[in-house]
Amino acid sequence: MRTRLPLLISAALLLAACGSTQPQAGAAPPAPVTVENPIVTTFDGGLHVLDGTTLAIARTITLPGFNRVNPAGDARHVLVSTATGFRVLDAASATLKADEFKGAKPGHVVRHAGRTVLFSDGTGQVTSFDPAALSEGLPQGETYTAAAPHHGVAIELANGELVVTVGTEESRSGVLVLDQARKEIARSEQCPGVHGEATARGEAVVIGCEDGVLLYKGGTITKIASPDAYGRIGNQAGSEESPIVLGDYKKDKDAELERPELFSLINTETGKLTVVPVGHSYTFRSLGRGPGGEALILGTDGALHVYDEESGKQLSSVKVMEPWTEPLEWQQPRPALFVRGGTAYVSEPAGRKLHAVDLATGKVTASVALPEAPNEVSGVSGH
């Protein structure tokens, strides 16, 4: 089903903005600030909004609970996933707005072709909107509801097609493609444990499976199998500069927590999947792409590694922190990577720090000590 969301524009929403802490009843709102190219980190109980160049903390926002952050798709806003939905953070003014896309178990946020798409795992609702309208309140958008709630993901293409996962709370099996009228035009359920997405050059969409990936390109869904019977690719990073998608790669189905020492490169032009061994482990928050399409992996050896996305050959590495070990619980802090333009932002929970790495020079250009251990790191989409 497809419905329209109302446009909400209200001065009352602006009055509900939060500042350095949640203000007490009757207290004056915090003074406005201007944050250049903002970066946002989460910690247990709140958010830090930082200047993207100096990494100076512009404001700390109190927000109880386990919160996640993603770029909203414009140069000003970040979406904060809370227990009740996707809340809008005006990162450029360090203001947490009352505006919220309601939805139980808010999950993936995908930005592509000028549209931002949200997936609510608890309801199966997909919400698509133009992020340029966020400054005016909750934007006018569209919703589609999956047949059953599940941990899913969706992406809207430039021609209006919607690629969305298929699954239930018990299992996930594949994807379907809907046209502009939200009529099904393609489907594949050859993707056990479907998870994650990335888009490569030419709008080739890659969806991860426990035995390879699904590729949607030119109106056709194609299965690209892993070389192992169980070769799980659940996290991917794409680039408009390259036809190749970077993916993780796990091959131990019975592991309580596999710490992978392999990664995958999926060529969306040739259909070839290459598995590359490395001398370090990494986590689901370790993958990124450089400005030229380079494959970036933040390793447990404390270094940010740069690989050629075509050959898998390591080009360089930058030592950022001491070696670290991935915790068993995925919600627990571990170093995270966020890439914007030519800068890689790397969090260091053990040292309570955030670092900025210039990818052109391979130098750490700024570091800041934080009051709390950072968990996730994100920021606005561009500058």
Foldseek 3Di string as FASTA:
>chain_A
DKDKDDQDFDPVQVVCWAFQERDDVPDDHDDWDFAAQWKWFDFAFWIFIARPFARHTPGIYGDHDQKDWAAQAFSFWIWIQHQFFTWIARSRRRIGTPAGDGAGQKADWDDDQQKIWTAHQVFQKIWIFRSVCPVRGPGITMIDHAPERHRWDWDAYNQGKIKIWDDYPVWTFWIFIAHNVGDTQDIDRNATPWAEWEAEAQRWIWIWGQFAIWTDHPSDIDGQGHPANGWTWHAWEYDNLAQKIKTQTDDDPPDLDDFDQWIWIARNVVRDIDIGGHDFGADNQFWYAAQNGWTWGCGLQQKIWTARRPPRHTDDIARHDHHDDDDSDLSDADWGWEDAHQWIWIFDQVQQKIWIARNVVSDTNHMDHHPHRTHDMYGHHYD
